[in-house]
Amino acid sequence: MSTTTTYPDQLMLPGQAAAPGGPIDMTMMYVMHHGFRRDLTRFAEAVAATPLAAKDTWVALAARWERFFDILHHHHSGEDAGIWPYLIARAGDEDRATLEAMEEEHSHIDPLLSSCAEGFATLAGDLVGVNADDVRAALKVRVAATRDALARHLAHEESEAMVILQRHMTREDWERIEKEHFRKDETLSRLRYLVCWIAEDLPVPVRDGLLDEAGLPFRLIWWLSRGSFQRLERRAFQYAGIGKA
């Protein structure tokens, strides 16, 4: 008598490169990737469109970049400390090269993130004696470079690294790594923001399915926090068209 192994359906979102099948449900990984792609598209549009004189908007953009930076850094730190070492210890030479590339790509993205943070902080500050046009021009280049570098990395991860993960990782080890490296030190304040950040601009069926699976407490967090989250999004991205009719 043959035994059929049933794997979870993998989520495929707009802009995503691949969703390899296997025993691990990668939904949370892919909704995080969706958020990173969405944010960098919005930042690129906002940097180009926001008037240099709109100081309050630049202050909001600088604060919003810090939020994005924090979420992405936490995500990459979890991968570097938990996922890649687990897989490198079990992979062959060819797969190991792909996994080591994941860490190397992270190291190239981090300086770009810091450089963008400096640009946003400058435009949000006192512009006396500052050539704001030059600062904005440089920031446009840096944000575009960050967007493109992260897009390449995410596509590489989705199409190759996730295949290796599905081949070598058990569900039990995935749950342990999530708990130890992605959910540790979670505060209520950060959780309130993160739930709304993840839900933002997701296809409605995907968003509702996530909230249903997460349970009533998370749906309540979303209901109670989404208004303030959306106000912050409109404040930062108003010239990129977010919140406009």
C-alpha atoms as a PDB file:
ATOM      1  CA  MET A   1       0.000   0.000   0.000  1.00  0.00           C
ATOM      2  CA  SER A   2       1.505   3.326  -1.100  1.00  0.00           C
ATOM      3  CA  THR A   3       1.651   6.371   1.157  1.00  0.00           C
ATOM      4  CA  THR A   4       0.976   9.833  -0.254  1.00  0.00           C
ATOM      5  CA  THR A   5       2.720  12.784   1.362  1.00  0.00           C
ATOM      6  CA  THR A   6       0.600  15.919   1.431  1.00  0.00           C
ATOM      7  CA  TYR A   7       2.453  19.219   1.453  1.00  0.00           C
ATOM      8  CA  PRO A   8       0.921  22.623   2.213  1.00  0.00           C
ATOM      9  CA  ASP A   9      -0.045  24.882  -0.680  1.00  0.00           C
ATOM     10  CA  GLN A  10       2.605  27.585  -0.959  1.00  0.00           C
ATOM     11  CA  LEU A  11       1.636  31.242  -1.202  1.00  0.00           C
ATOM     12  CA  MET A  12       2.505  33.076  -4.428  1.00  0.00           C
ATOM     13  CA  LEU A  13       2.201  36.875  -4.265  1.00  0.00           C
ATOM     14  CA  PRO A  14       2.660  39.576  -6.922  1.00  0.00           C
ATOM     15  CA  GLY A  15       6.346  40.167  -7.601  1.00  0.00           C
ATOM     16  CA  GLN A  16       7.402  36.889  -5.999  1.00  0.00           C
ATOM     17  CA  ALA A  17       9.904  34.847  -8.004  1.00  0.00           C
ATOM     18  CA  ALA A  18       8.966  31.321  -6.890  1.00  0.00           C
ATOM     19  CA  ALA A  19       7.264  29.255  -4.203  1.00  0.00           C
ATOM     20  CA  PRO A  20       8.975  25.838  -4.067  1.00  0.00           C
ATOM     21  CA  GLY A  21       6.879  23.015  -2.699  1.00  0.00           C
ATOM     22  CA  GLY A  22       7.753  21.013   0.374  1.00  0.00           C
ATOM     23  CA  PRO A  23       6.810  20.276   3.977  1.00  0.00           C
ATOM     24  CA  ILE A  24       7.340  23.806   5.371  1.00  0.00           C
ATOM     25  CA  ASP A  25       4.564  26.374   4.996  1.00  0.00           C
ATOM     26  CA  MET A  26       6.499  29.490   3.951  1.00  0.00           C
ATOM     27  CA  THR A  27       3.546  31.893   4.068  1.00  0.00           C
ATOM     28  CA  MET A  28       5.095  34.198   6.672  1.00  0.00           C
ATOM     29  CA  MET A  29       8.376  34.356   4.755  1.00  0.00           C
ATOM     30  CA  TYR A  30       6.585  35.367   1.563  1.00  0.00           C
ATOM     31  CA  VAL A  31       4.333  38.001   3.150  1.00  0.00           C
ATOM     32  CA  MET A  32       7.453  39.570   4.682  1.00  0.00           C
ATOM     33  CA  HIS A  33       9.061  39.636   1.243  1.00  0.00           C
ATOM     34  CA  HIS A  34       5.905  41.245  -0.134  1.00  0.00           C
ATOM     35  CA  GLY A  35       6.191  43.969   2.490  1.00  0.00           C
ATOM     36  CA  PHE A  36       9.839  44.674   1.655  1.00  0.00           C
ATOM     37  CA  ARG A  37       9.103  44.979  -2.056  1.00  0.00           C
ATOM     38  CA  ARG A  38       6.058  47.189  -1.411  1.00  0.00           C
ATOM     39  CA  ASP A  39       7.948  49.513   0.906  1.00  0.00           C
ATOM     40  CA  LEU A  40      10.889  50.080  -1.403  1.00  0.00           C
ATOM     41  CA  THR A  41       8.552  50.844  -4.308  1.00  0.00           C
ATOM     42  CA  ARG A  42       6.758  53.405  -2.155  1.00  0.00           C
ATOM     43  CA  PHE A  43       9.990  54.948  -0.888  1.00  0.00           C
ATOM     44  CA  ALA A  44      11.339  55.318  -4.422  1.00  0.00           C
ATOM     45  CA  GLU A  45       8.139  57.066  -5.524  1.00  0.00           C
ATOM     46  CA  ALA A  46       8.068  59.281  -2.428  1.00  0.00           C
ATOM     47  CA  VAL A  47      11.688  60.438  -2.763  1.00  0.00           C
ATOM     48  CA  ALA A  48      11.049  61.520  -6.340  1.00  0.00           C
ATOM     49  CA  ALA A  49       7.706  63.237  -5.683  1.00  0.00           C
ATOM     50  CA  THR A  50       7.921  64.829  -2.218  1.00  0.00           C
ATOM     51  CA  PRO A  51       8.646  68.596  -2.360  1.00  0.00           C
ATOM     52  CA  LEU A  52      11.864  69.514  -0.613  1.00  0.00           C
ATOM     53  CA  ALA A  53       9.956  72.160   1.349  1.00  0.00           C
ATOM     54  CA  ALA A  54       7.513  69.563   2.783  1.00  0.00           C
ATOM     55  CA  LYS A  55       9.551  69.151   5.961  1.00  0.00           C
ATOM     56  CA  ASP A  56       6.834  67.307   7.931  1.00  0.00           C
ATOM     57  CA  THR A  57       6.628  64.708   5.176  1.00  0.00           C
ATOM     58  CA  TRP A  58      10.398  64.202   5.143  1.00  0.00           C
ATOM     59  CA  VAL A  59      10.331  63.775   8.919  1.00  0.00           C
ATOM     60  CA  ALA A  60       7.614  61.130   8.472  1.00  0.00           C
ATOM     61  CA  LEU A  61       9.600  59.440   5.693  1.00  0.00           C
ATOM     62  CA  ALA A  62      12.734  59.340   7.846  1.00  0.00           C
ATOM     63  CA  ALA A  63      10.783  57.747  10.710  1.00  0.00           C
ATOM     64  CA  ARG A  64       9.108  55.298   8.308  1.00  0.00           C
ATOM     65  CA  TRP A  65      12.510  54.294   6.880  1.00  0.00           C
ATOM     66  CA  GLU A  66      13.698  53.499  10.393  1.00  0.00           C
ATOM     67  CA  ARG A  67      10.678  51.208  10.835  1.00  0.00           C
ATOM     68  CA  PHE A  68      11.432  49.495   7.519  1.00  0.00           C
ATOM     69  CA  PHE A  69      15.134  49.215   8.409  1.00  0.00           C
ATOM     70  CA  ASP A  70      14.278  47.630  11.775  1.00  0.00           C
ATOM     71  CA  ILE A  71      11.905  45.041  10.285  1.00  0.00           C
ATOM     72  CA  LEU A  72      14.301  44.072   7.489  1.00  0.00           C
ATOM     73  CA  HIS A  73      17.311  43.914   9.822  1.00  0.00           C
ATOM     74  CA  HIS A  74      15.406  41.697  12.270  1.00  0.00           C
ATOM     75  CA  HIS A  75      14.348  39.421   9.401  1.00  0.00           C
ATOM     76  CA  HIS A  76      17.860  39.121   7.962  1.00  0.00           C
ATOM     77  CA  SER A  77      19.367  38.583  11.428  1.00  0.00           C
ATOM     78  CA  GLY A  78      16.968  35.682  11.997  1.00  0.00           C
ATOM     79  CA  GLU A  79      17.993  34.111   8.702  1.00  0.00           C
ATOM     80  CA  ASP A  80      21.714  34.593   9.352  1.00  0.00           C
ATOM     81  CA  ALA A  81      21.542  33.232  12.905  1.00  0.00           C
ATOM     82  CA  GLY A  82      18.963  30.493  12.423  1.00  0.00           C
ATOM     83  CA  ILE A  83      18.074  29.382   8.906  1.00  0.00           C
ATOM     84  CA  TRP A  84      21.357  29.507   6.971  1.00  0.00           C
ATOM     85  CA  PRO A  85      23.548  27.828   9.641  1.00  0.00           C
ATOM     86  CA  TYR A  86      20.997  25.011  10.015  1.00  0.00           C
ATOM     87  CA  LEU A  87      20.967  24.391   6.267  1.00  0.00           C
ATOM     88  CA  ILE A  88      24.727  24.835   5.713  1.00  0.00           C
ATOM     89  CA  ALA A  89      25.361  22.073   8.262  1.00  0.00           C
ATOM     90  CA  ARG A  90      23.231  19.677   6.209  1.00  0.00           C
ATOM     91  CA  ALA A  91      23.794  20.756   2.606  1.00  0.00           C
ATOM     92  CA  GLY A  92      26.222  19.521  -0.033  1.00  0.00           C
ATOM     93  CA  ASP A  93      28.881  21.711  -1.615  1.00  0.00           C
ATOM     94  CA  GLU A  94      26.678  23.157  -4.374  1.00  0.00           C
ATOM     95  CA  ASP A  95      23.846  24.015  -2.012  1.00  0.00           C
ATOM     96  CA  ARG A  96      26.297  25.396   0.539  1.00  0.00           C
ATOM     97  CA  ALA A  97      27.543  27.930  -2.011  1.00  0.00           C
ATOM     98  CA  THR A  98      23.988  29.211  -2.498  1.00  0.00           C
ATOM     99  CA  LEU A  99      23.436  29.502   1.248  1.00  0.00           C
ATOM    100  CA  GLU A 100      26.709  31.327   1.807  1.00  0.00           C
ATOM    101  CA  ALA A 101      25.671  33.713  -0.965  1.00  0.00           C
ATOM    102  CA  MET A 102      22.546  34.528   1.036  1.00  0.00           C
ATOM    103  CA  GLU A 103      24.676  35.827   3.909  1.00  0.00           C
ATOM    104  CA  GLU A 104      27.000  37.693   1.550  1.00  0.00           C
ATOM    105  CA  GLU A 105      24.063  39.418  -0.160  1.00  0.00           C
ATOM    106  CA  HIS A 106      22.789  40.552   3.244  1.00  0.00           C
ATOM    107  CA  SER A 107      26.187  42.130   3.929  1.00  0.00           C
ATOM    108  CA  HIS A 108      25.959  44.174   0.703  1.00  0.00           C
ATOM    109  CA  ILE A 109      22.421  45.386   1.446  1.00  0.00           C
ATOM    110  CA  ASP A 110      23.136  46.654   4.981  1.00  0.00           C
ATOM    111  CA  PRO A 111      25.401  49.567   3.912  1.00  0.00           C
ATOM    112  CA  LEU A 112      22.790  50.656   1.363  1.00  0.00           C
ATOM    113  CA  LEU A 113      20.147  50.756   4.097  1.00  0.00           C
ATOM    114  CA  SER A 114      22.369  52.907   6.312  1.00  0.00           C
ATOM    115  CA  SER A 115      23.201  55.253   3.443  1.00  0.00           C
ATOM    116  CA  CYS A 116      19.509  55.779   2.714  1.00  0.00           C
ATOM    117  CA  ALA A 117      18.821  56.446   6.393  1.00  0.00           C
ATOM    118  CA  GLU A 118      21.422  59.234   6.308  1.00  0.00           C
ATOM    119  CA  GLY A 119      19.773  60.801   3.259  1.00  0.00           C
ATOM    120  CA  PHE A 120      16.306  60.758   4.799  1.00  0.00           C
ATOM    121  CA  ALA A 121      17.650  62.193   8.059  1.00  0.00           C
ATOM    122  CA  THR A 122      19.372  65.035   6.176  1.00  0.00           C
ATOM    123  CA  LEU A 123      16.225  66.014   4.262  1.00  0.00           C
ATOM    124  CA  ALA A 124      14.179  65.819   7.464  1.00  0.00           C
ATOM    125  CA  GLY A 125      16.591  68.135   9.292  1.00  0.00           C
ATOM    126  CA  ASP A 126      17.745  71.727   9.065  1.00  0.00           C
ATOM    127  CA  LEU A 127      18.601  72.339   5.404  1.00  0.00           C
ATOM    128  CA  VAL A 128      20.489  75.568   6.019  1.00  0.00           C
ATOM    129  CA  GLY A 129      23.764  75.293   4.112  1.00  0.00           C
ATOM    130  CA  VAL A 130      22.699  72.008   2.542  1.00  0.00           C
ATOM    131  CA  ASN A 131      22.243  71.525  -1.198  1.00  0.00           C
ATOM    132  CA  ALA A 132      18.925  69.719  -0.853  1.00  0.00           C
ATOM    133  CA  ASP A 133      18.631  69.017  -4.579  1.00  0.00           C
ATOM    134  CA  ASP A 134      21.926  67.121  -4.525  1.00  0.00           C
ATOM    135  CA  VAL A 135      20.940  65.229  -1.379  1.00  0.00           C
ATOM    136  CA  ARG A 136      17.635  64.188  -2.956  1.00  0.00           C
ATOM    137  CA  ALA A 137      19.366  63.152  -6.192  1.00  0.00           C
ATOM    138  CA  ALA A 138      21.795  60.980  -4.240  1.00  0.00           C
ATOM    139  CA  LEU A 139      18.977  59.520  -2.151  1.00  0.00           C
ATOM    140  CA  LYS A 140      17.003  58.617  -5.291  1.00  0.00           C
ATOM    141  CA  VAL A 141      20.011  56.657  -6.532  1.00  0.00           C
ATOM    142  CA  ARG A 142      20.544  54.946  -3.161  1.00  0.00           C
ATOM    143  CA  VAL A 143      16.899  53.953  -2.703  1.00  0.00           C
ATOM    144  CA  ALA A 144      16.776  52.599  -6.262  1.00  0.00           C
ATOM    145  CA  ALA A 145      19.995  50.656  -5.661  1.00  0.00           C
ATOM    146  CA  THR A 146      18.575  49.249  -2.416  1.00  0.00           C
ATOM    147  CA  ARG A 147      15.318  48.286  -4.125  1.00  0.00           C
ATOM    148  CA  ASP A 148      17.138  46.547  -6.970  1.00  0.00           C
ATOM    149  CA  ALA A 149      19.673  44.769  -4.736  1.00  0.00           C
ATOM    150  CA  LEU A 150      16.971  43.510  -2.405  1.00  0.00           C
ATOM    151  CA  ALA A 151      14.796  42.434  -5.357  1.00  0.00           C
ATOM    152  CA  ARG A 152      17.676  40.340  -6.719  1.00  0.00           C
ATOM    153  CA  HIS A 153      18.328  38.859  -3.292  1.00  0.00           C
ATOM    154  CA  LEU A 154      14.683  37.969  -2.645  1.00  0.00           C
ATOM    155  CA  ALA A 155      14.357  36.367  -6.079  1.00  0.00           C
ATOM    156  CA  HIS A 156      17.540  34.353  -5.458  1.00  0.00           C
ATOM    157  CA  GLU A 157      16.269  33.281  -2.058  1.00  0.00           C
ATOM    158  CA  GLU A 158      12.794  32.325  -3.300  1.00  0.00           C
ATOM    159  CA  SER A 159      13.961  30.425  -6.360  1.00  0.00           C
ATOM    160  CA  GLU A 160      17.025  28.626  -4.946  1.00  0.00           C
ATOM    161  CA  ALA A 161      17.465  28.888  -1.171  1.00  0.00           C
ATOM    162  CA  MET A 162      13.861  27.917  -0.444  1.00  0.00           C
ATOM    163  CA  VAL A 163      14.313  24.753  -2.524  1.00  0.00           C
ATOM    164  CA  ILE A 164      17.216  23.801  -0.251  1.00  0.00           C
ATOM    165  CA  LEU A 165      15.187  24.659   2.850  1.00  0.00           C
ATOM    166  CA  GLN A 166      12.288  22.467   1.747  1.00  0.00           C
ATOM    167  CA  ARG A 167      14.711  19.624   1.052  1.00  0.00           C
ATOM    168  CA  HIS A 168      16.510  19.643   4.408  1.00  0.00           C
ATOM    169  CA  MET A 169      14.341  21.235   7.099  1.00  0.00           C
ATOM    170  CA  THR A 170      11.692  19.536   9.204  1.00  0.00           C
ATOM    171  CA  ARG A 171       8.527  21.260  10.383  1.00  0.00           C
ATOM    172  CA  GLU A 172       9.639  20.876  13.979  1.00  0.00           C
ATOM    173  CA  ASP A 173      12.964  22.573  13.326  1.00  0.00           C
ATOM    174  CA  TRP A 174      11.258  25.346  11.348  1.00  0.00           C
ATOM    175  CA  GLU A 175       8.935  26.045  14.278  1.00  0.00           C
ATOM    176  CA  ARG A 176      11.905  26.070  16.672  1.00  0.00           C
ATOM    177  CA  ILE A 177      13.906  28.455  14.485  1.00  0.00           C
ATOM    178  CA  GLU A 178      10.913  30.771  14.081  1.00  0.00           C
ATOM    179  CA  LYS A 179      10.435  30.896  17.837  1.00  0.00           C
ATOM    180  CA  GLU A 180      14.118  31.352  18.695  1.00  0.00           C
ATOM    181  CA  HIS A 181      15.196  33.757  15.966  1.00  0.00           C
ATOM    182  CA  PHE A 182      12.136  35.540  14.570  1.00  0.00           C
ATOM    183  CA  ARG A 183       9.678  35.854  17.447  1.00  0.00           C
ATOM    184  CA  LYS A 184      12.008  36.473  20.376  1.00  0.00           C
ATOM    185  CA  ASP A 185      11.930  39.811  22.206  1.00  0.00           C
ATOM    186  CA  GLU A 186       8.588  40.697  20.586  1.00  0.00           C
ATOM    187  CA  THR A 187       6.842  43.586  22.353  1.00  0.00           C
ATOM    188  CA  LEU A 188       3.148  44.451  22.096  1.00  0.00           C
ATOM    189  CA  SER A 189       3.989  47.801  20.525  1.00  0.00           C
ATOM    190  CA  ARG A 190       6.149  46.188  17.844  1.00  0.00           C
ATOM    191  CA  LEU A 191       3.582  43.445  17.278  1.00  0.00           C
ATOM    192  CA  ARG A 192       0.802  45.999  16.758  1.00  0.00           C
ATOM    193  CA  TYR A 193       2.834  47.724  14.086  1.00  0.00           C
ATOM    194  CA  LEU A 194       4.042  44.508  12.447  1.00  0.00           C
ATOM    195  CA  VAL A 195       0.550  43.018  12.082  1.00  0.00           C
ATOM    196  CA  CYS A 196      -0.601  46.123  10.207  1.00  0.00           C
ATOM    197  CA  TRP A 197       2.619  46.316   8.193  1.00  0.00           C
ATOM    198  CA  ILE A 198       2.221  42.717   7.016  1.00  0.00           C
ATOM    199  CA  ALA A 199      -1.474  43.189   6.164  1.00  0.00           C
ATOM    200  CA  GLU A 200      -0.894  46.399   4.201  1.00  0.00           C
ATOM    201  CA  ASP A 201      -1.682  46.026   0.486  1.00  0.00           C
ATOM    202  CA  LEU A 202      -1.947  42.239   0.625  1.00  0.00           C
ATOM    203  CA  PRO A 203      -4.643  40.718  -1.601  1.00  0.00           C
ATOM    204  CA  VAL A 204      -7.756  40.732   0.588  1.00  0.00           C
ATOM    205  CA  PRO A 205      -8.283  36.934   0.546  1.00  0.00           C
ATOM    206  CA  VAL A 206      -4.674  36.428   1.646  1.00  0.00           C
ATOM    207  CA  ARG A 207      -4.947  39.047   4.377  1.00  0.00           C
ATOM    208  CA  ASP A 208      -8.210  37.636   5.705  1.00  0.00           C
ATOM    209  CA  GLY A 209      -6.858  34.092   5.600  1.00  0.00           C
ATOM    210  CA  LEU A 210      -3.803  35.129   7.605  1.00  0.00           C
ATOM    211  CA  LEU A 211      -5.921  36.879  10.221  1.00  0.00           C
ATOM    212  CA  ASP A 212      -8.290  33.918  10.468  1.00  0.00           C
ATOM    213  CA  GLU A 213      -5.380  31.524  10.946  1.00  0.00           C
ATOM    214  CA  ALA A 214      -3.671  33.789  13.482  1.00  0.00           C
ATOM    215  CA  GLY A 215      -6.820  33.938  15.591  1.00  0.00           C
ATOM    216  CA  LEU A 216      -9.021  36.517  17.253  1.00  0.00           C
ATOM    217  CA  PRO A 217      -6.275  38.324  19.242  1.00  0.00           C
ATOM    218  CA  PHE A 218      -4.397  39.183  16.050  1.00  0.00           C
ATOM    219  CA  ARG A 219      -7.571  40.247  14.259  1.00  0.00           C
ATOM    220  CA  LEU A 220      -8.342  42.544  17.204  1.00  0.00           C
ATOM    221  CA  ILE A 221      -4.813  43.965  17.058  1.00  0.00           C
ATOM    222  CA  TRP A 222      -5.338  44.722  13.375  1.00  0.00           C
ATOM    223  CA  TRP A 223      -8.770  46.296  13.909  1.00  0.00           C
ATOM    224  CA  LEU A 224      -7.542  48.467  16.767  1.00  0.00           C
ATOM    225  CA  SER A 225      -4.239  49.502  15.173  1.00  0.00           C
ATOM    226  CA  ARG A 226      -4.901  49.846  11.448  1.00  0.00           C
ATOM    227  CA  GLY A 227      -6.310  53.369  11.688  1.00  0.00           C
ATOM    228  CA  SER A 228      -3.196  54.829  13.281  1.00  0.00           C
ATOM    229  CA  PHE A 229      -1.005  52.782  10.945  1.00  0.00           C
ATOM    230  CA  GLN A 230      -2.801  54.138   7.881  1.00  0.00           C
ATOM    231  CA  ARG A 231      -2.483  57.710   9.136  1.00  0.00           C
ATOM    232  CA  LEU A 232       1.271  57.251   9.436  1.00  0.00           C
ATOM    233  CA  GLU A 233       1.403  55.746   5.933  1.00  0.00           C
ATOM    234  CA  ARG A 234      -0.505  58.700   4.461  1.00  0.00           C
ATOM    235  CA  ARG A 235       1.738  61.163   6.268  1.00  0.00           C
ATOM    236  CA  ALA A 236       4.908  59.581   4.886  1.00  0.00           C
ATOM    237  CA  PHE A 237       3.765  58.553   1.412  1.00  0.00           C
ATOM    238  CA  GLN A 238       1.170  61.213   0.568  1.00  0.00           C
ATOM    239  CA  TYR A 239       3.123  62.485  -2.458  1.00  0.00           C
ATOM    240  CA  ALA A 240       3.510  58.907  -3.686  1.00  0.00           C
ATOM    241  CA  GLY A 241      -0.278  58.718  -3.882  1.00  0.00           C
ATOM    242  CA  ILE A 242      -0.926  56.645  -0.760  1.00  0.00           C
ATOM    243  CA  GLY A 243      -4.242  57.642   0.767  1.00  0.00           C
ATOM    244  CA  LYS A 244      -5.295  59.823  -2.153  1.00  0.00           C
ATOM    245  CA  ALA A 245      -8.528  59.184  -4.010  1.00  0.00           C
END
